[in-house]
Protein backbone atom coordinates (compact mmCIF):
# COMPACT_ATOMS: atom_id res chain seq x y z
CA MET A 1 28.70 -88.18 57.90
CA THR A 2 26.83 -84.96 59.66
CA ALA A 3 26.52 -81.72 58.23
CA ALA A 4 29.01 -79.95 60.48
CA ILE A 5 31.47 -82.09 59.31
CA LEU A 6 31.10 -81.52 56.11
CA ALA A 7 31.29 -78.07 56.45
CA ARG A 8 34.76 -78.38 58.19
CA GLU A 9 35.51 -80.57 55.44
CA VAL A 10 34.65 -78.36 52.82
CA GLY A 11 35.81 -75.44 54.78
CA TYR A 12 34.78 -71.97 54.34
CA LYS A 13 36.98 -68.53 54.84
CA LEU A 14 35.66 -65.44 56.06
CA LEU A 15 35.22 -62.05 54.25
CA PRO A 16 35.60 -58.73 55.45
CA PHE A 17 32.62 -57.60 57.80
CA ARG A 18 31.68 -55.23 60.94
CA PHE A 19 28.94 -55.66 63.67
CA LEU A 20 27.13 -53.34 65.77
CA ARG A 21 24.96 -54.57 69.04
CA LEU A 22 21.52 -52.87 68.59
CA ASP A 23 19.91 -53.96 71.88
CA ASP A 24 19.48 -57.00 74.13
CA THR A 25 15.52 -57.02 73.45
CA ASN A 26 15.83 -59.37 70.73
CA PRO A 27 17.75 -62.66 70.31
CA ASN A 28 18.90 -61.79 67.19
CA ASN A 29 20.79 -58.48 68.74
CA LEU A 30 23.41 -58.10 66.52
CA LEU A 31 23.94 -56.24 63.08
CA ILE A 32 26.56 -57.60 60.75
CA THR A 33 27.55 -55.77 57.52
CA ALA A 34 29.44 -56.68 54.76
CA GLU A 35 31.67 -54.44 52.40
CA THR A 36 28.84 -54.94 49.94
CA GLY A 37 26.65 -53.21 52.30
CA GLU A 38 24.45 -56.53 52.58
CA TYR A 39 23.42 -57.11 56.24
CA LEU A 40 22.16 -59.68 58.77
CA PHE A 41 20.82 -59.81 62.03
CA VAL A 42 22.38 -62.81 63.90
CA SER A 43 22.90 -63.85 67.32
CA GLU A 44 25.79 -63.67 69.70
CA GLN A 45 26.26 -67.48 69.39
CA GLN A 46 25.75 -67.18 65.56
CA LEU A 47 28.48 -64.80 65.38
CA ARG A 48 30.61 -67.14 67.40
CA GLN A 49 29.98 -69.81 65.25
CA LEU A 50 30.66 -67.87 62.20
CA VAL A 51 33.92 -66.60 63.51
CA GLY A 52 34.97 -70.13 64.69
CA LYS A 53 33.93 -71.59 61.52
CA GLN A 54 31.70 -73.88 63.27
CA LEU A 55 28.66 -73.42 61.12
CA GLU A 56 26.66 -76.56 59.75
CA ARG A 57 26.80 -76.31 55.85
CA GLY A 58 23.40 -76.20 54.33
CA THR A 59 21.42 -74.63 56.88
CA PRO A 60 19.53 -71.11 55.97
CA LEU A 61 22.16 -69.08 58.00
CA TYR A 62 24.70 -70.64 56.18
CA LYS A 63 23.36 -70.13 52.85
CA ASP A 64 22.54 -66.38 53.72
CA LEU A 65 26.12 -65.61 54.78
CA LEU A 66 27.19 -67.23 51.80
CA ALA A 67 24.76 -65.19 49.46
CA ARG A 68 25.58 -61.95 51.22
CA HIS A 69 29.07 -62.14 51.16
CA PHE A 70 30.24 -62.75 54.81
CA MET A 71 32.18 -65.83 53.91
CA TYR A 72 33.02 -68.02 50.79
CA GLU A 73 33.82 -71.47 50.13
CA PRO A 74 37.30 -71.36 48.04
CA GLN A 75 37.14 -74.79 46.60
CA ARG A 76 33.63 -74.15 45.29
CA HIS A 77 33.62 -69.96 44.52
CA ASN A 78 35.11 -66.99 44.11
CA PRO A 79 33.25 -64.31 45.08
CA ILE A 80 35.77 -61.20 44.21
CA ALA A 81 34.05 -60.30 40.91
CA GLU A 82 30.52 -60.30 42.28
CA ILE A 83 32.07 -57.88 45.30
CA ALA A 84 33.63 -55.76 42.86
CA ALA A 85 30.64 -55.14 40.80
CA GLN A 86 28.64 -54.42 44.01
CA TYR A 87 30.98 -52.08 45.22
CA HIS A 88 31.46 -50.17 41.90
CA SER A 89 27.60 -49.99 41.95
CA ARG A 90 27.58 -48.38 45.24
CA LYS A 91 30.32 -45.96 44.22
CA GLU A 92 29.34 -45.32 40.88
CA PHE A 93 29.01 -41.84 41.64
CA LEU A 94 32.53 -41.01 41.49
CA PHE A 95 32.96 -41.58 37.76
CA GLY A 96 30.41 -38.71 36.56
CA GLY A 97 31.81 -35.77 37.68
CA PRO A 98 30.01 -32.84 39.51
CA ALA A 99 26.02 -33.46 38.90
CA LEU A 100 24.61 -30.97 40.88
CA HIS A 101 25.54 -27.34 39.90
CA LEU A 102 23.98 -24.56 42.30
CA PHE A 103 23.87 -21.40 41.00
CA VAL A 104 23.60 -18.59 43.65
CA VAL A 105 21.97 -15.93 41.09
CA THR A 106 21.44 -13.43 43.95
CA LEU A 107 21.60 -12.57 47.88
CA ARG A 108 18.55 -10.34 47.66
CA CYS A 109 15.45 -11.41 49.88
CA ASN A 110 12.35 -10.21 51.14
CA HIS A 111 12.41 -12.60 54.38
CA THR A 112 14.39 -12.28 57.60
CA CYS A 113 14.57 -15.82 58.41
CA GLN A 114 15.96 -16.70 61.95
CA TYR A 115 18.02 -19.67 60.71
CA CYS A 116 19.30 -18.37 57.59
CA GLN A 117 22.69 -19.22 56.40
CA VAL A 118 23.54 -16.29 54.73
CA SER A 119 23.35 -12.39 55.23
CA ARG A 120 20.69 -11.09 53.23
CA ALA A 121 20.80 -8.28 51.03
CA PRO A 122 17.83 -5.69 50.46
CA LEU A 123 15.37 -5.89 47.86
CA GLY A 124 16.78 -2.80 46.06
CA GLY A 125 20.47 -3.65 47.06
CA SER A 126 22.92 -3.43 44.41
CA GLY A 127 26.18 -5.16 44.03
CA HIS A 128 24.71 -8.71 45.15
CA ASP A 129 23.53 -10.23 41.58
CA MET A 130 25.33 -12.56 39.52
CA SER A 131 26.57 -10.87 36.69
CA GLN A 132 25.89 -11.77 32.92
CA GLU A 133 29.46 -12.61 32.53
CA HIS A 134 30.07 -14.68 35.47
CA ALA A 135 26.40 -16.67 34.51
CA SER A 136 27.97 -17.39 31.08
CA HIS A 137 31.26 -19.07 32.42
CA ALA A 138 29.24 -20.84 35.04
CA VAL A 139 27.52 -22.72 32.01
CA ASN A 140 30.72 -23.44 30.38
CA ARG A 141 32.08 -25.21 33.83
CA LEU A 142 28.56 -27.07 33.87
CA PHE A 143 28.96 -28.73 30.50
CA GLU A 144 33.13 -29.59 31.47
CA SER A 145 31.63 -31.89 33.75
CA PRO A 146 31.37 -35.25 32.02
CA SER A 147 28.37 -36.12 34.07
CA PRO A 148 25.45 -37.53 31.69
CA VAL A 149 22.50 -36.36 33.89
CA LEU A 150 22.82 -32.77 35.27
CA THR A 151 20.95 -30.81 38.12
CA VAL A 152 20.75 -27.18 37.81
CA GLU A 153 19.42 -25.34 40.96
CA PHE A 154 19.08 -21.57 41.43
CA GLN A 155 19.41 -20.16 44.93
CA GLY A 156 19.63 -16.82 46.61
CA GLY A 157 18.64 -14.99 48.68
CA GLU A 158 15.36 -15.32 46.48
CA PRO A 159 16.43 -16.27 43.07
CA LEU A 160 13.17 -15.08 41.59
CA LEU A 161 14.48 -11.52 42.23
CA ALA A 162 17.09 -12.22 39.66
CA PHE A 163 14.76 -13.92 37.10
CA ASP A 164 16.63 -12.19 34.04
CA ARG A 165 19.60 -14.02 35.10
CA ILE A 166 17.72 -17.34 35.59
CA ARG A 167 16.31 -17.00 32.04
CA GLN A 168 20.05 -16.20 30.44
CA ILE A 169 21.34 -19.49 32.15
CA VAL A 170 18.56 -21.73 31.35
CA GLU A 171 18.37 -20.63 27.54
CA GLU A 172 22.17 -20.79 27.42
CA ILE A 173 22.09 -24.52 28.84
CA ALA A 174 19.13 -25.24 26.57
CA GLU A 175 21.11 -23.90 23.45
CA ARG A 176 24.17 -25.99 24.09
CA ASN A 177 22.38 -28.82 25.41
CA GLU A 178 20.82 -29.61 21.72
CA HIS A 179 24.34 -30.74 20.76
CA GLU A 180 25.46 -32.18 24.14
CA LYS A 181 22.28 -34.48 24.60
CA ARG A 182 22.47 -34.42 28.51
CA SER A 183 19.58 -35.04 30.86
CA ILE A 184 19.19 -31.74 32.56
CA GLN A 185 16.65 -30.99 35.49
CA PHE A 186 16.15 -27.16 36.60
CA VAL A 187 14.93 -26.43 40.00
CA ILE A 188 14.50 -22.97 41.64
CA SER A 189 14.75 -23.12 45.50
CA SER A 190 12.24 -20.22 46.39
CA THR A 191 9.64 -18.66 48.77
CA LEU A 192 7.11 -18.21 45.59
CA HIS A 193 6.22 -15.03 47.00
CA HIS A 194 7.46 -13.47 43.52
CA LEU A 195 5.93 -15.54 40.88
CA THR A 196 4.83 -14.23 37.73
CA ASP A 197 2.61 -15.42 34.81
CA GLU A 198 6.06 -14.53 32.77
CA ILE A 199 7.88 -16.98 35.39
CA LEU A 200 5.39 -20.03 35.19
CA ASP A 201 5.04 -19.51 31.42
CA PHE A 202 9.06 -19.97 31.23
CA ALA A 203 9.07 -22.70 33.75
CA LYS A 204 6.60 -24.68 31.91
CA THR A 205 8.68 -24.15 28.42
CA HIS A 206 11.46 -25.37 30.30
CA SER A 207 10.25 -28.29 32.80
CA ILE A 208 11.48 -26.16 35.64
CA GLN A 209 10.51 -27.41 39.07
CA PHE A 210 10.32 -25.43 42.34
CA SER A 211 11.20 -26.24 45.63
CA THR A 212 10.03 -24.15 48.82
CA SER A 213 9.60 -24.14 52.44
CA VAL A 214 6.97 -25.03 54.80
CA ASP A 215 7.96 -24.96 58.24
CA GLY A 216 4.43 -26.19 59.49
CA PRO A 217 1.21 -24.18 60.39
CA ALA A 218 0.86 -20.62 59.80
CA PHE A 219 2.16 -19.87 63.48
CA LEU A 220 5.26 -21.96 62.99
CA HIS A 221 5.89 -20.70 59.61
CA ASN A 222 5.52 -17.11 60.07
CA ALA A 223 7.62 -17.30 63.54
CA ASN A 224 10.35 -18.83 61.29
CA ARG A 225 10.40 -17.15 58.17
CA PRO A 226 8.82 -13.66 58.99
CA THR A 227 8.38 -10.76 56.31
CA THR A 228 7.27 -7.22 56.94
CA SER A 229 3.65 -7.91 56.06
CA LYS A 230 3.29 -11.00 58.31
CA ASP A 231 1.89 -13.15 55.85
CA ALA A 232 4.73 -15.61 54.73
CA TYR A 233 2.67 -18.40 54.97
CA GLU A 234 -0.28 -17.17 53.02
CA ARG A 235 1.98 -16.14 50.58
CA THR A 236 3.68 -19.62 50.22
CA LEU A 237 0.44 -21.40 50.04
CA LYS A 238 -0.70 -19.01 47.15
CA GLY A 239 2.52 -19.69 45.19
CA ILE A 240 2.31 -23.46 45.90
CA GLN A 241 -1.46 -23.49 44.42
CA TRP A 242 -0.01 -21.29 41.35
CA VAL A 243 2.52 -23.76 40.70
CA ARG A 244 0.41 -26.83 41.13
CA GLU A 245 -2.43 -25.30 38.53
CA ARG A 246 0.25 -24.32 36.07
CA LEU A 247 2.72 -26.97 35.96
CA GLY A 248 0.82 -29.63 37.67
CA SER A 249 1.22 -31.35 41.18
CA ASP A 250 4.48 -32.65 41.16
CA ALA A 251 6.28 -29.45 40.10
CA VAL A 252 6.46 -28.06 43.83
CA SER A 253 8.06 -29.63 46.51
CA ALA A 254 8.69 -28.28 50.01
CA LEU A 255 10.72 -29.14 53.22
CA THR A 256 10.96 -27.80 56.68
CA THR A 257 13.58 -26.63 58.87
CA LEU A 258 13.36 -27.26 62.55
CA THR A 259 13.79 -24.70 65.54
CA ALA A 260 13.52 -25.57 68.96
CA LYS A 261 9.70 -24.38 68.78
CA SER A 262 9.09 -26.49 65.96
CA LEU A 263 10.34 -29.84 67.92
CA GLN A 264 7.28 -29.10 70.55
CA HIS A 265 4.82 -29.86 67.43
CA PRO A 266 5.86 -32.72 65.41
CA HIS A 267 2.26 -34.11 64.54
CA ALA A 268 1.29 -30.70 63.58
CA ILE A 269 4.00 -29.88 61.17
CA ILE A 270 3.21 -33.57 59.52
CA ASP A 271 -0.44 -32.77 59.64
CA GLU A 272 0.16 -29.42 57.76
CA TYR A 273 1.97 -31.61 54.88
CA VAL A 274 -0.80 -33.95 54.50
CA GLN A 275 -3.28 -31.13 54.33
CA GLN A 276 -1.46 -29.22 51.46
CA SER A 277 -1.47 -32.60 49.69
CA PHE A 278 2.46 -33.21 49.62
CA ASN A 279 3.88 -36.63 49.19
CA SER A 280 7.30 -36.11 50.90
CA ILE A 281 8.29 -34.22 54.05
CA ALA A 282 11.96 -33.46 54.83
CA LEU A 283 12.68 -33.04 58.69
CA ARG A 284 15.89 -30.86 58.46
CA PRO A 285 17.72 -29.85 61.59
CA LEU A 286 19.34 -26.69 61.86
CA SER A 287 22.41 -25.69 60.04
CA PRO A 288 25.70 -25.29 62.02
CA TYR A 289 26.64 -23.09 59.13
CA GLY A 290 27.14 -19.21 58.54
CA PHE A 291 24.52 -16.68 59.61
CA ALA A 292 22.25 -19.31 61.04
CA LYS A 293 25.14 -19.98 63.62
CA LYS A 294 24.82 -16.50 65.27
CA SER A 295 21.24 -17.14 66.02
CA SER A 296 21.70 -20.64 67.51
CA GLN A 297 21.24 -19.75 71.09
CA ARG A 298 17.91 -18.70 70.46
CA LEU A 299 17.11 -21.50 68.03
CA ASP A 300 19.09 -24.44 68.90
CA TYR A 301 18.83 -27.65 70.32
CA SER A 302 20.97 -30.92 71.29
CA MET A 303 21.10 -33.63 68.80
CA ALA A 304 19.21 -36.26 71.50
CA GLU A 305 16.18 -33.75 71.44
CA TYR A 306 16.14 -33.67 67.36
CA ILE A 307 16.46 -37.61 67.34
CA ASP A 308 13.86 -37.88 70.01
CA PHE A 309 11.44 -35.61 67.77
CA TYR A 310 12.82 -37.49 64.61
CA LYS A 311 11.49 -41.00 65.88
CA THR A 312 8.38 -39.57 67.11
CA SER A 313 7.84 -37.84 63.89
CA LEU A 314 8.65 -41.46 62.28
CA ALA A 315 6.25 -43.10 64.40
CA TYR A 316 3.32 -40.95 63.07
CA LEU A 317 4.22 -41.00 59.24
CA ILE A 318 4.25 -44.68 59.51
CA LYS A 319 0.62 -44.52 61.23
CA ILE A 320 -0.90 -42.21 58.92
CA ASN A 321 0.34 -43.91 55.73
CA GLN A 322 -0.99 -47.13 57.19
CA GLN A 323 -4.40 -45.21 57.27
CA GLY A 324 -3.94 -44.77 53.71
CA THR A 325 -2.07 -41.32 53.33
CA TYR A 326 1.09 -41.49 51.29
CA LEU A 327 3.45 -39.19 52.85
CA SER A 328 7.04 -40.36 53.21
CA GLU A 329 10.35 -38.80 55.01
CA GLY A 330 12.83 -37.70 53.04
CA TYR A 331 16.17 -38.47 55.06
CA THR A 332 14.70 -41.82 55.95
CA SER A 333 14.12 -42.80 52.14
CA LEU A 334 17.44 -41.77 51.28
CA LEU A 335 18.81 -44.13 54.26
CA LEU A 336 16.75 -47.04 52.96
CA SER A 337 18.09 -46.47 49.19
CA ASN A 338 21.63 -47.05 50.78
CA VAL A 339 20.47 -50.07 53.01
CA LEU A 340 18.01 -51.80 50.78
CA THR A 341 19.51 -51.39 47.38
CA SER A 342 23.02 -51.90 46.05
CA PHE A 343 23.10 -48.23 44.62
CA SER A 344 23.99 -44.93 46.39
CA SER A 345 21.00 -42.68 47.22
CA GLY A 346 23.30 -40.02 45.59
CA TYR A 347 22.68 -37.53 48.54
CA VAL A 348 26.02 -35.70 48.74
CA ASP A 349 26.40 -35.82 52.61
CA LEU A 350 25.89 -39.46 52.54
CA ARG A 351 28.88 -40.09 49.89
CA SER A 352 31.98 -41.55 50.74
CA PRO A 353 34.34 -40.37 48.93
CA VAL A 354 32.97 -36.99 49.62
CA GLY A 355 30.38 -35.68 47.46
CA ALA A 356 31.27 -31.69 48.15
CA GLY A 357 33.42 -30.94 44.85
CA VAL A 358 33.44 -34.27 43.38
CA GLY A 359 29.59 -34.17 42.88
CA THR A 360 28.67 -30.74 43.36
CA LEU A 361 29.69 -27.28 42.67
CA LEU A 362 28.39 -23.94 43.75
CA TYR A 363 28.85 -20.70 41.47
CA ASN A 364 28.55 -17.78 43.88
CA TYR A 365 27.03 -14.57 42.93
CA ASP A 366 30.23 -12.99 42.83
CA GLY A 367 31.88 -15.50 40.63
CA ASP A 368 33.55 -17.42 43.31
CA VAL A 369 33.47 -21.33 43.09
CA TYR A 370 33.01 -23.54 45.98
CA PRO A 371 32.56 -27.19 46.51
CA SER A 372 28.85 -26.95 48.03
CA ASP A 373 26.37 -24.67 49.49
CA GLU A 374 27.75 -25.70 53.13
CA ALA A 375 31.41 -24.42 51.92
CA ARG A 376 29.77 -20.94 50.84
CA MET A 377 28.02 -20.28 54.00
CA LEU A 378 31.79 -20.46 55.84
CA LEU A 379 32.03 -16.96 54.51
CA GLU A 380 29.87 -15.86 57.38
CA MET A 381 31.90 -17.34 59.66
CA GLY A 382 34.83 -15.25 58.20
CA GLU A 383 36.20 -18.41 56.73
CA ASP A 384 37.08 -18.23 53.16
CA GLY A 385 39.45 -21.25 52.93
CA LEU A 386 37.24 -23.78 51.10
CA LYS A 387 36.96 -21.78 47.95
CA LEU A 388 37.85 -23.69 44.78
CA GLY A 389 38.82 -20.61 42.68
CA HIS A 390 37.10 -18.31 39.94
CA VAL A 391 34.27 -19.15 37.87
CA SER A 392 36.35 -17.99 34.75
CA GLN A 393 38.76 -20.95 35.65
CA PRO A 394 38.22 -24.54 33.76
CA LEU A 395 36.61 -27.19 35.60
CA GLN A 396 40.08 -29.24 35.74
CA GLU A 397 41.97 -26.21 37.10
CA LEU A 398 38.94 -25.83 39.87
CA LEU A 399 38.85 -29.75 40.74
CA GLY A 400 42.74 -29.67 41.05
CA SER A 401 42.34 -27.19 43.95
CA PRO A 402 44.43 -27.75 46.96
CA VAL A 403 40.68 -27.58 48.61
CA ILE A 404 39.49 -30.73 46.87
CA GLU A 405 42.44 -32.71 47.82
CA LEU A 406 42.01 -31.63 51.44
CA LEU A 407 38.56 -32.83 51.26
CA LEU A 408 39.27 -36.01 49.49
CA SER A 409 41.99 -36.86 52.40
CA ALA A 410 39.18 -35.99 55.09
CA GLY A 411 36.60 -37.59 53.03
CA VAL A 412 36.77 -41.58 52.80
CA ALA A 413 34.70 -42.49 55.69
CA GLU A 414 36.02 -46.12 55.37
CA ALA A 415 39.34 -44.75 56.20
CA LEU A 416 38.71 -42.25 59.02
CA PRO A 417 38.92 -42.94 62.72
CA GLY A 418 35.75 -43.84 64.33
CA CYS A 419 34.22 -44.83 61.15
CA SER A 420 36.67 -47.50 59.88
CA ASP A 421 35.48 -50.18 62.32
CA CYS A 422 31.79 -48.83 62.15
CA ALA A 423 29.05 -51.35 61.06
CA LEU A 424 27.18 -48.39 59.56
CA VAL A 425 29.74 -46.97 57.36
CA PRO A 426 28.71 -48.68 54.26
CA TYR A 427 25.19 -46.43 54.28
CA CYS A 428 26.92 -43.32 55.55
CA GLY A 429 29.26 -40.62 54.53
CA ALA A 430 32.26 -38.41 55.68
CA ASP A 431 31.05 -34.77 55.29
CA PRO A 432 34.43 -33.18 56.24
CA ILE A 433 32.75 -29.49 55.85
CA GLU A 434 30.35 -30.21 58.62
CA HIS A 435 33.39 -31.19 60.69
CA PHE A 436 35.32 -28.26 59.62
CA ALA A 437 32.34 -25.78 60.52
CA ARG A 438 31.65 -27.39 64.00
CA GLN A 439 34.89 -28.71 65.23
CA GLY A 440 37.61 -26.55 63.18
CA ASP A 441 39.00 -29.80 61.56
CA PRO A 442 37.59 -31.52 58.42
CA ILE A 443 38.35 -35.09 59.92
CA GLY A 444 36.83 -34.15 63.41
CA HIS A 445 36.59 -36.26 66.27
CA ARG A 446 33.70 -38.86 65.79
CA ALA A 447 32.99 -38.91 69.56
CA PHE A 448 31.76 -35.24 69.40
CA SER A 449 30.40 -35.34 66.14
CA THR A 450 26.63 -34.56 65.48
CA PHE A 451 26.99 -35.63 62.10
CA CYS A 452 27.81 -39.09 63.25
CA GLN A 453 25.74 -39.04 66.29
CA LYS A 454 22.48 -38.48 63.96
CA ASN A 455 23.29 -40.73 61.24
CA SER A 456 24.48 -43.67 63.85
CA GLU A 457 21.06 -43.25 65.64
CA LEU A 458 18.81 -42.83 62.78
CA LEU A 459 20.29 -45.60 61.02
CA THR A 460 20.22 -47.97 64.04
CA HIS A 461 16.60 -46.80 64.57
CA LEU A 462 15.84 -47.70 60.92
CA PHE A 463 17.81 -51.37 61.50
CA ARG A 464 15.29 -51.71 64.65
CA LEU A 465 12.28 -51.15 62.28
CA LEU A 466 13.65 -53.48 59.64
CA ARG A 467 14.09 -56.20 62.28
CA ASP A 468 11.35 -55.75 64.53
CA GLY A 469 8.62 -54.10 62.62
CA ASP A 470 5.41 -55.62 61.89
CA ASP A 471 4.35 -56.42 57.95
CA GLU A 472 2.24 -53.37 57.73
CA THR A 473 5.44 -50.98 59.12
CA GLN A 474 7.86 -52.45 56.66
CA ARG A 475 5.57 -52.20 53.90
CA VAL A 476 5.29 -48.61 54.70
CA LEU A 477 9.02 -48.21 54.37
CA LEU A 478 9.14 -50.38 51.23
CA SER A 479 6.59 -47.85 49.94
CA TRP A 480 8.70 -45.08 50.77
CA LEU A 481 11.92 -46.74 48.86
CA ALA A 482 9.52 -47.55 45.86
CA ARG A 483 7.95 -43.78 45.87
CA ARG A 484 4.67 -45.67 45.72
CA SER A 485 1.67 -45.63 48.07
CA LEU A 486 1.04 -48.59 50.31
CA GLY A 487 -2.14 -49.26 48.19
CA ASP A 488 -0.05 -49.84 45.19
CA LEU A 489 2.71 -52.02 46.82
CA PRO A 490 2.67 -55.72 46.52
CA VAL A 491 1.18 -57.48 49.70
CA ALA A 492 4.28 -59.40 50.72
CA GLY A 493 6.30 -57.77 53.52
CA TYR A 494 10.18 -57.64 53.87
CA ARG A 495 12.22 -59.45 56.22
CA GLY A 496 15.98 -58.73 56.63
């Protein structure tokens, strides 16, 4: 009796899956993805055999399809418990409540960045700092979240200009946490131009980390982030060095925001991060929110141009990693986590259901509460409709806001038109706030969505690298996932 006949006798049934044609350059030109996020590359003939139930039992492909939950044998095995466990792992972020809490302690800033999302207040301006009362209320809201792991990020403006408020918030949280016993990380997002010994001593005591912006070499950074003294680049590098000397090399991270001018210099930007001894770079496109939107005609570019830049940059990053320099790309690392593990990366924009509000809260300097930083930015566009309420309200009341209901109704990617049948949906998100900002509707139209264009193009490119890349390319990608240099990674490569 042939294997094919045995397969028909035993019988198998299909489980839900989606497929995408990657290209016509490889025999395995189709990507198929399961509800669990598992995937395989198959040929058109193999897909027809799968759907037509003509696969030969016992072949490697048959075993892979069974193991990765594209089909099952009813008489032999019930896969529901396994699928439920994997789905639970991917959506585990839903059960913790808001874990990222953003405190906008001031709008004052000494920079006049062309792409800034908020209207900055002058250094000596009044009425633009968070009050002591609002700060204490925000600490109460933070501990009302059930999440055992919390990240507290201070933003501005330039948050170090309101360091007394940072000190108050950190000390109140630390005192409360002696009883609460949560795992809490503090991050200050700063230009680092206003560092002092007092600030660094306090940061060392409370294990505070810093995040800053490095937009590339001096000519790019100073053009994108001008100051009256015209030395933004030099002062930022001085701050980075100071933090590293006092708190350690891992106590400061950096990201870059890309203007049209930046797209002309992918290698120079990456070389700058290598020169400054960073181990990660985040190649962020311009934001469609707030004050930045007013500058878009001077700074903006098409998403297609950004994707071309990103692919060029990724190829260069892979090359320098192969040559012995560890430097990962932040967004690719997040996508790799979604693709190659059974857990979500945790990144808010790539969550489904939506991360804004459910996983993130922002406490504005004036006491208003928003579901995300992006929702706050809509104020600059004359839109206040995504405010949850006031910081004096209990968390349960804030999360019961009609805004949360709106975001959730538009924030489940698996149920959205254009997303529900997309093979990439297990690794993507919905991001209704971006669609609200760009299209005036939280659901939006995926055919005109730059969010969709960006993620579908980058994920498709990543899957091609996983399918076609040589062993060294795939080892580089695995090293980014493991956050280990190539030299510390086992020699065996990865094959999807």
